[in-house]
Amino acid sequence: MDHLCKATAEDVRVYAAVTTDLVEEAARRHCCGALATAALGRVMTGALLLAANLKNRECLTVKFQGDGPLGQIVADASADGAARGYVVHPEAELPLTNGKLSVGQGVGRGLLSITRFTGLKEPVTGTCDIFSGEIAEDLTRYLFQSEQTPSSVGLGVLVGENGKTEAAGGFIIQPLPDASEETLSRLEKTIATLRPVSAMVKDGLSAAEIISEILCGFSDVHILSETKLAFRCQCSRSRTEEILSTLRDEDLAQLAEDGQAEVCCEFCGEKYHFTKEDLLAIRNIRERLAQKERLP
């Protein structure tokens, strides 16, 4: 089961997540090739790790707007462990680089932005240039440049020869503000020798066990919480009806004349079908509401 753990040890905090099932669900919904599965899976996992720092009902959006063949990659994540995402060109593929999927080339160069929705009047957005396109390195640089938070981000998605997601997960390590130089030095050595997070997940390690491997040699490791994770979209038929109701009268009339309409959610691929009668009903409801607003 996909899950995320938070932990602290001495002057360090670590978040780790296992996301195999939700990455495979996203790949299935969007008919992703291996390259798109790896890239989208990393972005969604990274978004969940960043959202773990939010309060209840807060959420964020991570967007990679690169010039590579994958196009834009977007992921939403909330503090309660829900995530969704999409990649504009899920069919894009590239030759392997040293036997590995060429995620960096697939993403390309461009802009990384993270928008936090915290209940304030306006959401807060931070940006930085995409450094490598490998996702984890870019998120590490973003946290340091835009939020002045020294961090190390590790992300991994293992795609099997059959195109299925065999393992996916990630972690974020952050020294606390009062961390000693000795702690920072130990962290650097640990990160340098750490095996890929996808290999840990492939071997069956839980998020807590991944944290234990990361913090090997550290004392007083405390697991603070565990959160279940899942691919979950916010779309629904009623929300889609609300969107259709914002169309101009002539546009709704044209759809009704066509006899039907199909609306596809870009985040989850869910399709909502509307008949001519459905569309006319939406227009009539809107007209009645408009008449009520005009009454004195």
Protein backbone atom coordinates (compact mmCIF):
# COMPACT_ATOMS: atom_id res chain seq x y z
CA MET A 1 0.00 0.00 0.00
CA ASP A 2 1.32 3.44 -0.94
CA HIS A 3 2.21 5.53 2.09
CA LEU A 4 4.40 8.36 3.38
CA CYS A 5 6.33 8.56 6.66
CA LYS A 6 7.73 11.56 8.49
CA ALA A 7 10.66 11.18 10.87
CA THR A 8 13.31 13.13 12.76
CA ALA A 9 16.74 12.17 14.07
CA GLU A 10 19.11 14.47 15.93
CA ASP A 11 19.20 17.65 13.76
CA VAL A 12 17.54 16.14 10.69
CA ARG A 13 14.05 15.54 9.35
CA VAL A 14 13.22 13.03 6.63
CA TYR A 15 10.10 12.31 4.62
CA ALA A 16 9.93 9.07 2.60
CA ALA A 17 7.20 7.66 0.39
CA VAL A 18 6.28 4.50 -1.50
CA THR A 19 4.17 5.44 -4.53
CA THR A 20 4.21 2.41 -6.85
CA ASP A 21 0.46 1.91 -7.12
CA LEU A 22 -0.51 5.55 -7.67
CA VAL A 23 2.20 6.00 -10.31
CA GLU A 24 0.95 2.92 -12.16
CA GLU A 25 -2.61 4.23 -11.90
CA ALA A 26 -1.58 7.55 -13.45
CA ALA A 27 0.35 5.76 -16.19
CA ARG A 28 -2.65 3.53 -16.96
CA ARG A 29 -5.10 6.42 -17.08
CA HIS A 30 -2.91 8.46 -19.44
CA CYS A 31 -1.59 5.52 -21.52
CA CYS A 32 1.99 6.54 -20.68
CA GLY A 33 5.05 5.02 -22.28
CA ALA A 34 8.02 4.13 -20.10
CA LEU A 35 9.63 7.59 -20.35
CA ALA A 36 6.43 9.44 -19.44
CA THR A 37 5.73 7.02 -16.58
CA ALA A 38 9.16 7.68 -15.07
CA ALA A 39 8.90 11.46 -15.43
CA LEU A 40 5.30 11.82 -14.26
CA GLY A 41 5.89 9.37 -11.42
CA ARG A 42 8.84 11.37 -10.16
CA VAL A 43 6.90 14.65 -10.31
CA MET A 44 3.88 13.19 -8.51
CA THR A 45 6.05 11.62 -5.81
CA GLY A 46 7.95 14.87 -5.36
CA ALA A 47 4.68 16.78 -5.05
CA LEU A 48 3.45 14.42 -2.33
CA LEU A 49 6.69 14.80 -0.37
CA LEU A 50 6.45 18.59 -0.57
CA ALA A 51 2.76 18.54 0.39
CA ALA A 52 3.61 16.55 3.53
CA ASN A 53 4.74 19.85 5.04
CA LEU A 54 1.33 21.47 4.51
CA LYS A 55 -1.59 21.73 6.91
CA ASN A 56 -4.93 19.97 6.48
CA ARG A 57 -6.90 21.01 3.38
CA GLU A 58 -3.87 22.76 1.92
CA CYS A 59 -2.44 21.62 -1.40
CA LEU A 60 0.14 22.46 -4.02
CA THR A 61 0.83 22.15 -7.73
CA VAL A 62 4.23 21.26 -9.19
CA LYS A 63 4.68 22.18 -12.85
CA PHE A 64 7.61 21.39 -15.15
CA GLN A 65 7.31 23.50 -18.28
CA GLY A 66 10.22 22.12 -20.32
CA ASP A 67 11.05 22.17 -24.02
CA GLY A 68 11.63 18.39 -24.22
CA PRO A 69 9.39 15.96 -26.15
CA LEU A 70 7.31 15.13 -23.05
CA GLY A 71 5.96 18.68 -22.89
CA GLN A 72 4.47 20.10 -19.71
CA ILE A 73 4.25 17.82 -16.66
CA VAL A 74 1.88 18.80 -13.84
CA ALA A 75 1.08 17.19 -10.50
CA ASP A 76 -1.27 18.22 -7.70
CA ALA A 77 -0.86 16.90 -4.15
CA SER A 78 -2.56 17.57 -0.84
CA ALA A 79 -1.62 17.13 2.80
CA ASP A 80 -4.06 14.23 3.15
CA GLY A 81 -2.08 12.09 0.69
CA ALA A 82 -4.08 12.58 -2.51
CA ALA A 83 -2.27 13.13 -5.81
CA ARG A 84 -3.10 13.49 -9.47
CA GLY A 85 -1.11 14.52 -12.52
CA TYR A 86 -0.63 14.45 -16.26
CA VAL A 87 2.00 14.77 -18.97
CA VAL A 88 1.12 16.49 -22.25
CA HIS A 89 2.82 13.91 -24.50
CA PRO A 90 2.57 10.55 -22.71
CA GLU A 91 3.56 8.68 -25.86
CA ALA A 92 6.99 10.34 -26.22
CA GLU A 93 10.02 8.03 -26.08
CA LEU A 94 13.79 8.51 -26.39
CA PRO A 95 16.77 6.13 -26.67
CA LEU A 96 18.19 4.97 -23.34
CA THR A 97 21.14 6.84 -21.85
CA ASN A 98 23.68 4.46 -20.27
CA GLY A 99 20.91 1.88 -19.97
CA LYS A 100 18.52 4.28 -18.20
CA LEU A 101 15.43 6.18 -19.28
CA SER A 102 16.39 9.63 -20.58
CA VAL A 103 14.08 11.63 -18.29
CA GLY A 104 16.29 14.73 -18.35
CA GLN A 105 16.18 14.91 -22.14
CA GLY A 106 12.48 14.16 -22.13
CA VAL A 107 11.78 17.11 -19.84
CA GLY A 108 14.33 19.47 -21.38
CA ARG A 109 15.02 23.01 -20.18
CA GLY A 110 12.50 25.61 -19.12
CA LEU A 111 10.75 26.67 -15.94
CA LEU A 112 9.83 24.83 -12.74
CA SER A 113 7.05 26.39 -10.67
CA ILE A 114 5.43 25.35 -7.40
CA THR A 115 2.16 26.94 -6.31
CA ARG A 116 0.95 26.53 -2.74
CA PHE A 117 -2.75 26.89 -1.93
CA THR A 118 -2.82 27.65 1.79
CA GLY A 119 -6.22 29.27 2.22
CA LEU A 120 -4.93 32.80 1.76
CA LYS A 121 -6.65 35.12 -0.70
CA GLU A 122 -4.02 34.46 -3.35
CA PRO A 123 -1.92 31.31 -3.83
CA VAL A 124 1.85 31.65 -3.51
CA THR A 125 4.02 30.63 -6.48
CA GLY A 126 7.78 30.18 -6.58
CA THR A 127 9.82 29.52 -9.70
CA CYS A 128 13.29 28.56 -10.85
CA ASP A 129 14.93 27.39 -14.05
CA ILE A 130 14.95 23.67 -14.79
CA PHE A 131 18.53 22.58 -14.17
CA SER A 132 18.71 19.00 -15.43
CA GLY A 133 15.16 17.78 -16.05
CA GLU A 134 15.83 14.79 -13.80
CA ILE A 135 13.17 16.14 -11.38
CA ALA A 136 14.89 15.32 -8.05
CA GLU A 137 17.87 17.59 -8.76
CA ASP A 138 15.54 20.34 -9.90
CA LEU A 139 13.39 20.13 -6.78
CA THR A 140 16.52 20.20 -4.62
CA ARG A 141 17.68 23.39 -6.36
CA TYR A 142 14.21 24.92 -6.14
CA LEU A 143 14.00 24.37 -2.38
CA PHE A 144 17.38 26.03 -1.90
CA GLN A 145 16.96 28.93 -4.35
CA SER A 146 13.29 29.81 -3.91
CA GLU A 147 12.62 28.76 -0.33
CA GLN A 148 16.13 28.96 1.18
CA THR A 149 15.74 25.41 2.49
CA PRO A 150 18.84 23.19 2.11
CA SER A 151 17.54 19.76 1.09
CA SER A 152 18.36 16.57 -0.71
CA VAL A 153 15.59 15.03 -2.80
CA GLY A 154 15.70 11.47 -4.09
CA LEU A 155 13.10 10.12 -6.52
CA GLY A 156 12.88 6.91 -8.48
CA VAL A 157 10.51 5.03 -10.76
CA LEU A 158 11.36 1.56 -12.06
CA VAL A 159 9.45 0.57 -15.20
CA GLY A 160 9.51 -3.08 -16.21
CA GLU A 161 9.97 -4.47 -19.71
CA ASN A 162 6.19 -4.92 -19.90
CA GLY A 163 5.72 -1.18 -19.33
CA LYS A 164 4.30 -1.61 -15.83
CA THR A 165 5.54 0.33 -12.81
CA GLU A 166 7.50 -2.13 -10.68
CA ALA A 167 8.62 0.30 -7.97
CA ALA A 168 8.31 4.01 -7.23
CA GLY A 169 9.13 6.20 -4.28
CA GLY A 170 11.18 9.06 -2.95
CA PHE A 171 12.50 10.99 0.00
CA ILE A 172 13.43 14.46 1.17
CA ILE A 173 16.19 15.02 3.74
CA GLN A 174 16.45 18.43 5.41
CA PRO A 175 18.83 19.52 8.17
CA LEU A 176 17.08 21.52 10.88
CA PRO A 177 18.13 25.19 11.32
CA ASP A 178 20.41 24.41 14.28
CA ALA A 179 22.10 21.41 12.64
CA SER A 180 25.82 21.10 13.44
CA GLU A 181 28.60 20.90 10.88
CA GLU A 182 29.18 17.32 11.99
CA THR A 183 25.55 16.44 11.15
CA LEU A 184 25.81 18.10 7.74
CA SER A 185 29.01 16.19 7.00
CA ARG A 186 27.42 12.87 7.97
CA LEU A 187 24.41 13.64 5.78
CA GLU A 188 26.64 14.35 2.79
CA LYS A 189 28.43 11.02 3.22
CA THR A 190 25.14 9.15 3.67
CA ILE A 191 23.60 10.66 0.54
CA ALA A 192 26.73 9.95 -1.52
CA THR A 193 26.56 6.22 -0.75
CA LEU A 194 22.79 5.77 -0.75
CA ARG A 195 21.40 3.25 -3.22
CA PRO A 196 18.57 4.29 -5.57
CA VAL A 197 15.21 4.68 -3.83
CA SER A 198 13.53 2.60 -6.55
CA ALA A 199 15.84 -0.28 -5.61
CA MET A 200 14.79 0.03 -1.97
CA VAL A 201 11.10 -0.08 -2.93
CA LYS A 202 11.75 -2.96 -5.32
CA ASP A 203 13.29 -4.88 -2.42
CA GLY A 204 10.07 -4.40 -0.45
CA LEU A 205 11.18 -1.69 1.98
CA SER A 206 8.44 0.39 3.57
CA ALA A 207 8.77 4.16 3.92
CA ALA A 208 9.86 3.74 7.53
CA GLU A 209 12.50 1.20 6.48
CA ILE A 210 13.74 3.56 3.77
CA ILE A 211 14.14 6.21 6.46
CA SER A 212 16.06 3.74 8.63
CA GLU A 213 18.44 3.04 5.74
CA ILE A 214 18.88 6.75 5.04
CA LEU A 215 19.54 7.54 8.71
CA CYS A 216 21.77 4.54 9.35
CA GLY A 217 24.23 5.67 12.02
CA PHE A 218 21.98 8.42 13.38
CA SER A 219 20.57 8.08 16.89
CA ASP A 220 17.12 8.88 18.26
CA VAL A 221 15.20 8.19 15.04
CA HIS A 222 11.53 8.98 15.65
CA ILE A 223 8.77 8.09 13.19
CA LEU A 224 6.30 10.95 13.62
CA SER A 225 3.43 9.87 11.39
CA GLU A 226 2.34 7.71 8.48
CA THR A 227 -0.13 8.79 5.79
CA LYS A 228 -1.82 6.62 3.18
CA LEU A 229 -1.32 7.83 -0.40
CA ALA A 230 -3.56 7.41 -3.42
CA PHE A 231 -4.20 8.70 -6.93
CA ARG A 232 -7.36 10.75 -6.47
CA CYS A 233 -8.84 13.40 -8.74
CA GLN A 234 -11.17 16.24 -7.78
CA CYS A 235 -13.23 16.05 -10.95
CA SER A 236 -16.89 14.91 -10.99
CA ARG A 237 -19.90 15.09 -13.25
CA SER A 238 -21.39 17.94 -11.22
CA ARG A 239 -18.19 19.97 -11.48
CA THR A 240 -18.09 19.33 -15.21
CA GLU A 241 -21.68 20.57 -15.48
CA GLU A 242 -20.63 23.76 -13.68
CA ILE A 243 -17.86 24.27 -16.25
CA LEU A 244 -20.28 23.75 -19.14
CA SER A 245 -22.66 26.24 -17.57
CA THR A 246 -20.02 28.96 -17.94
CA LEU A 247 -19.99 28.62 -21.74
CA ARG A 248 -21.66 31.25 -23.89
CA ASP A 249 -25.26 30.62 -24.98
CA GLU A 250 -24.22 30.14 -28.59
CA ASP A 251 -21.56 27.60 -27.62
CA LEU A 252 -24.03 25.57 -25.53
CA ALA A 253 -26.57 25.79 -28.36
CA GLN A 254 -23.97 24.51 -30.83
CA LEU A 255 -23.12 21.56 -28.58
CA ALA A 256 -26.81 20.77 -28.21
CA GLU A 257 -27.24 20.97 -31.98
CA ASP A 258 -24.35 18.51 -32.37
CA GLY A 259 -26.38 16.15 -30.23
CA GLN A 260 -23.80 15.40 -27.55
CA ALA A 261 -20.62 16.52 -25.82
CA GLU A 262 -17.72 14.71 -24.17
CA VAL A 263 -15.52 16.38 -21.59
CA CYS A 264 -12.24 14.70 -20.59
CA CYS A 265 -10.40 15.59 -17.37
CA GLU A 266 -6.77 16.28 -18.22
CA PHE A 267 -5.60 15.16 -14.76
CA CYS A 268 -7.18 11.72 -14.62
CA GLY A 269 -8.50 11.01 -18.11
CA GLU A 270 -12.06 10.46 -16.86
CA LYS A 271 -14.63 11.15 -19.59
CA TYR A 272 -18.05 12.66 -18.98
CA HIS A 273 -20.73 12.29 -21.67
CA PHE A 274 -23.62 14.73 -22.08
CA THR A 275 -26.62 14.19 -24.35
CA LYS A 276 -28.56 16.90 -26.16
CA GLU A 277 -31.13 16.82 -23.36
CA ASP A 278 -28.40 17.22 -20.72
CA LEU A 279 -26.98 20.27 -22.49
CA LEU A 280 -30.38 21.91 -22.94
CA ALA A 281 -31.11 21.30 -19.24
CA ILE A 282 -27.85 23.00 -18.26
CA ARG A 283 -28.73 26.01 -20.43
CA ASN A 284 -32.26 26.21 -19.01
CA ILE A 285 -31.03 26.09 -15.42
CA ARG A 286 -28.57 28.88 -16.15
CA GLU A 287 -31.30 30.99 -17.75
CA ARG A 288 -33.58 30.55 -14.73
CA LEU A 289 -30.81 31.55 -12.34
CA ALA A 290 -30.07 34.62 -14.48
CA GLN A 291 -33.74 35.63 -14.39
CA LYS A 292 -33.82 35.36 -10.59
CA GLU A 293 -30.74 37.61 -10.32
CA ARG A 294 -32.49 40.25 -12.47
CA LEU A 295 -35.58 40.35 -10.26
CA PRO A 296 -35.80 43.41 -7.96
